N, C-alpha and C. Protein backbone atom coordinates (compact mmCIF):
# COMPACT_ATOMS: atom_id res chain seq x y z
N UNK A 1 13.55 -20.47 12.94
CA UNK A 1 12.26 -19.82 12.81
C UNK A 1 12.25 -18.66 11.89
N UNK A 2 11.25 -18.98 11.40
CA UNK A 2 10.49 -17.80 10.45
C UNK A 2 9.97 -16.88 10.38
N UNK A 3 9.65 -15.43 10.08
CA UNK A 3 8.60 -14.48 10.32
C UNK A 3 7.27 -14.78 10.76
N UNK A 4 6.59 -15.49 9.63
CA UNK A 4 5.40 -16.29 9.57
C UNK A 4 5.18 -17.29 11.44
N UNK A 5 6.22 -17.92 12.18
CA UNK A 5 6.19 -18.58 12.86
C UNK A 5 6.22 -17.60 14.35
N UNK A 6 7.36 -16.76 14.02
CA UNK A 6 7.54 -15.58 14.68
C UNK A 6 6.17 -14.99 15.07
N UNK A 7 5.83 -14.45 14.35
CA UNK A 7 4.57 -13.76 13.99
C UNK A 7 3.09 -13.97 14.93
N UNK A 8 3.31 -16.05 14.93
CA UNK A 8 1.84 -16.87 15.38
C UNK A 8 2.25 -16.53 16.85
N UNK A 9 4.13 -17.12 17.05
CA UNK A 9 3.99 -17.02 18.55
C UNK A 9 4.09 -15.28 19.42
N UNK A 10 4.34 -14.57 18.42
CA UNK A 10 4.00 -13.45 19.49
C UNK A 10 2.76 -12.93 19.87
N UNK A 11 1.70 -13.35 18.62
CA UNK A 11 0.55 -13.14 19.04
C UNK A 11 0.21 -13.82 19.77
N UNK A 12 0.11 -15.33 19.68
CA UNK A 12 -0.17 -16.26 20.63
C UNK A 12 0.13 -15.99 22.51
N UNK A 13 1.71 -15.32 22.22
CA UNK A 13 1.96 -14.57 23.51
C UNK A 13 1.26 -13.72 24.11
N UNK A 14 0.96 -12.73 23.65
CA UNK A 14 0.42 -11.47 23.17
C UNK A 14 -1.15 -11.70 24.46
N UNK A 15 -1.99 -13.07 23.38
CA UNK A 15 -3.42 -12.78 23.84
C UNK A 15 -3.63 -13.53 24.90
N UNK A 16 -2.43 -14.37 25.65
CA UNK A 16 -2.43 -15.14 26.72
C UNK A 16 -2.49 -14.25 27.74
N UNK A 17 -1.29 -13.57 27.58
CA UNK A 17 -0.85 -12.75 28.52
C UNK A 17 -2.13 -11.60 28.88
N UNK A 18 -2.62 -11.09 28.08
CA UNK A 18 -3.82 -10.27 27.68
C UNK A 18 -4.64 -10.88 28.88
N UNK A 19 -5.42 -12.24 28.31
CA UNK A 19 -6.46 -12.90 29.01
C UNK A 19 -5.89 -12.98 30.51
N UNK A 20 -4.59 -13.28 30.94
CA UNK A 20 -4.20 -13.41 32.32
C UNK A 20 -4.66 -12.22 32.93
N UNK A 21 -4.18 -11.30 32.41
CA UNK A 21 -4.24 -9.86 32.94
C UNK A 21 -6.10 -9.52 33.21
N UNK A 22 -6.82 -9.78 32.07
CA UNK A 22 -7.88 -9.15 32.18
C UNK A 22 -8.45 -9.99 33.24
N UNK A 23 -8.22 -11.29 33.30
CA UNK A 23 -8.72 -12.05 34.55
C UNK A 23 -8.45 -12.02 35.63
N UNK A 24 -6.88 -11.32 36.00
CA UNK A 24 -6.70 -11.29 37.27
C UNK A 24 -6.46 -9.36 38.01
N UNK A 25 -6.09 -8.72 36.65
CA UNK A 25 -6.07 -6.98 36.91
C UNK A 25 -7.60 -5.99 36.48
N UNK A 26 -8.14 -6.88 35.07
CA UNK A 26 -9.03 -5.37 34.54
C UNK A 26 -9.78 -6.26 33.72
N UNK A 27 -10.87 -6.40 33.29
CA UNK A 27 -11.12 -6.64 31.97
C UNK A 27 -11.51 -6.14 30.73
N UNK A 28 -10.59 -4.75 31.15
CA UNK A 28 -9.96 -3.71 29.79
C UNK A 28 -8.58 -4.19 28.86
N UNK A 29 -8.20 -5.15 29.63
CA UNK A 29 -7.41 -5.94 29.01
C UNK A 29 -7.12 -6.56 27.39
N UNK A 30 -9.05 -6.83 28.13
CA UNK A 30 -9.85 -7.73 26.65
C UNK A 30 -9.87 -6.66 25.46
N UNK A 31 -9.26 -5.69 25.69
CA UNK A 31 -9.01 -4.73 24.37
C UNK A 31 -7.97 -5.10 23.73
N UNK A 32 -7.20 -5.16 24.59
CA UNK A 32 -5.77 -5.92 23.98
C UNK A 32 -5.52 -7.37 23.03
N UNK A 33 -6.59 -8.33 23.73
CA UNK A 33 -6.67 -9.18 22.69
C UNK A 33 -7.87 -9.21 21.42
N UNK A 34 -8.45 -8.03 21.69
CA UNK A 34 -9.05 -7.54 20.51
C UNK A 34 -8.47 -7.20 19.10
N UNK A 35 -7.44 -6.18 19.83
CA UNK A 35 -6.41 -5.32 18.67
C UNK A 35 -5.90 -6.66 18.17
N UNK A 36 -5.11 -7.58 18.86
CA UNK A 36 -4.44 -8.71 18.49
C UNK A 36 -5.46 -9.48 17.30
N UNK A 37 -6.43 -9.88 17.47
CA UNK A 37 -7.06 -10.36 16.31
C UNK A 37 -7.17 -9.42 14.97
N UNK A 38 -8.22 -8.74 15.27
CA UNK A 38 -7.92 -7.84 14.39
C UNK A 38 -6.50 -7.09 13.29
N UNK A 39 -6.22 -6.88 14.10
CA UNK A 39 -4.25 -7.20 13.34
C UNK A 39 -3.60 -8.36 12.79
N UNK A 40 -4.20 -9.69 13.82
CA UNK A 40 -3.88 -10.60 12.86
C UNK A 40 -5.21 -10.73 11.30
N UNK A 41 -6.35 -10.33 11.43
CA UNK A 41 -7.18 -10.66 10.23
C UNK A 41 -7.16 -9.43 9.30
N UNK A 42 -6.39 -8.17 9.74
CA UNK A 42 -5.90 -7.15 8.30
C UNK A 42 -4.54 -7.88 7.90
N UNK A 43 -3.71 -8.68 8.74
CA UNK A 43 -2.73 -8.86 8.14
C UNK A 43 -2.82 -10.35 7.11
N UNK A 44 -3.92 -11.12 7.56
CA UNK A 44 -4.48 -11.86 6.37
C UNK A 44 -4.89 -11.43 5.04
N UNK A 45 -5.64 -9.93 4.97
CA UNK A 45 -5.54 -9.54 3.81
C UNK A 45 -4.88 -8.94 3.04
N UNK A 46 -3.84 -8.53 3.90
CA UNK A 46 -3.01 -7.31 3.58
C UNK A 46 -1.43 -8.08 3.00
N UNK A 47 -1.30 -9.18 3.94
CA UNK A 47 -0.15 -9.49 4.27
C UNK A 47 1.10 -8.92 4.69
N UNK A 48 0.90 -8.09 5.54
CA UNK A 48 1.56 -6.48 6.05
C UNK A 48 1.38 -6.44 7.40
N UNK A 49 2.36 -6.84 8.50
CA UNK A 49 1.96 -6.35 9.89
C UNK A 49 3.41 -5.73 10.39
N UNK A 50 3.03 -4.59 11.12
CA UNK A 50 4.23 -4.00 11.39
C UNK A 50 5.57 -4.82 12.00
N UNK A 51 4.99 -5.82 12.81
CA UNK A 51 5.37 -7.50 13.54
C UNK A 51 6.75 -7.96 12.42
N UNK A 52 5.76 -8.24 11.63
CA UNK A 52 6.68 -9.10 10.12
C UNK A 52 8.27 -7.71 10.01
N UNK A 53 7.77 -6.46 9.38
CA UNK A 53 9.02 -5.60 9.51
C UNK A 53 10.05 -5.97 10.78
N UNK A 54 9.85 -5.93 11.87
CA UNK A 54 11.10 -6.22 12.71
C UNK A 54 11.48 -7.04 12.92
N UNK A 55 10.43 -8.55 12.86
CA UNK A 55 11.44 -9.73 12.42
C UNK A 55 12.27 -9.73 11.61
N UNK A 56 11.56 -9.03 10.23
CA UNK A 56 12.71 -8.84 9.58
C UNK A 56 13.73 -8.37 9.71
N UNK A 57 13.94 -7.20 10.62
CA UNK A 57 15.27 -6.26 10.56
C UNK A 57 15.49 -7.64 11.48
N UNK A 58 15.32 -8.37 12.97
CA UNK A 58 16.09 -9.10 13.38
C UNK A 58 16.37 -10.03 12.30
N UNK A 59 15.97 -10.32 11.00
CA UNK A 59 17.77 -11.35 10.83
C UNK A 59 16.42 -12.58 10.22
N UNK A 60 15.03 -12.77 10.86
CA UNK A 60 13.98 -13.93 10.41
C UNK A 60 13.78 -13.83 8.61
N UNK A 61 13.88 -15.22 8.59
CA UNK A 61 13.75 -15.43 6.77
C UNK A 61 12.25 -15.43 6.63
N UNK A 62 11.35 -15.31 5.29
CA UNK A 62 10.29 -15.43 4.80
C UNK A 62 10.09 -16.70 4.67
N UNK A 63 8.86 -17.29 4.85
CA UNK A 63 8.75 -18.75 4.47
C UNK A 63 8.88 -18.97 3.34
N UNK A 64 9.38 -20.18 2.89
CA UNK A 64 9.45 -20.65 1.26
C UNK A 64 8.93 -22.14 1.66
N UNK A 65 8.85 -22.78 0.57
CA UNK A 65 8.31 -23.76 0.80
C UNK A 65 9.79 -24.93 0.51
N UNK A 66 10.04 -25.69 1.82
CA UNK A 66 10.38 -26.23 2.23
C UNK A 66 10.08 -27.49 2.85
N UNK A 67 10.86 -28.44 3.15
CA UNK A 67 10.91 -29.70 3.88
C UNK A 67 10.24 -29.72 4.88
N UNK A 68 9.37 -30.11 5.61
CA UNK A 68 8.57 -29.37 7.60
C UNK A 68 9.59 -30.59 7.85
N UNK A 69 10.33 -31.95 7.38
CA UNK A 69 11.35 -32.86 8.19
C UNK A 69 12.32 -32.32 9.22
């Protein structure tokens, strides 16, 4: 797994979890969904995200031009 895939996986899990919590607990959990969306937008513009640093520290490699077979 690469840093980029890990980031997308983490974002997807957090968004789905916050949507479930908003449905069953409180609509305030939608703020977490908005935060993840804003963070993804920011990281697309700056190529920096705190989760990327954590994933690199965990040993995940950055995406390189590879065959996708």
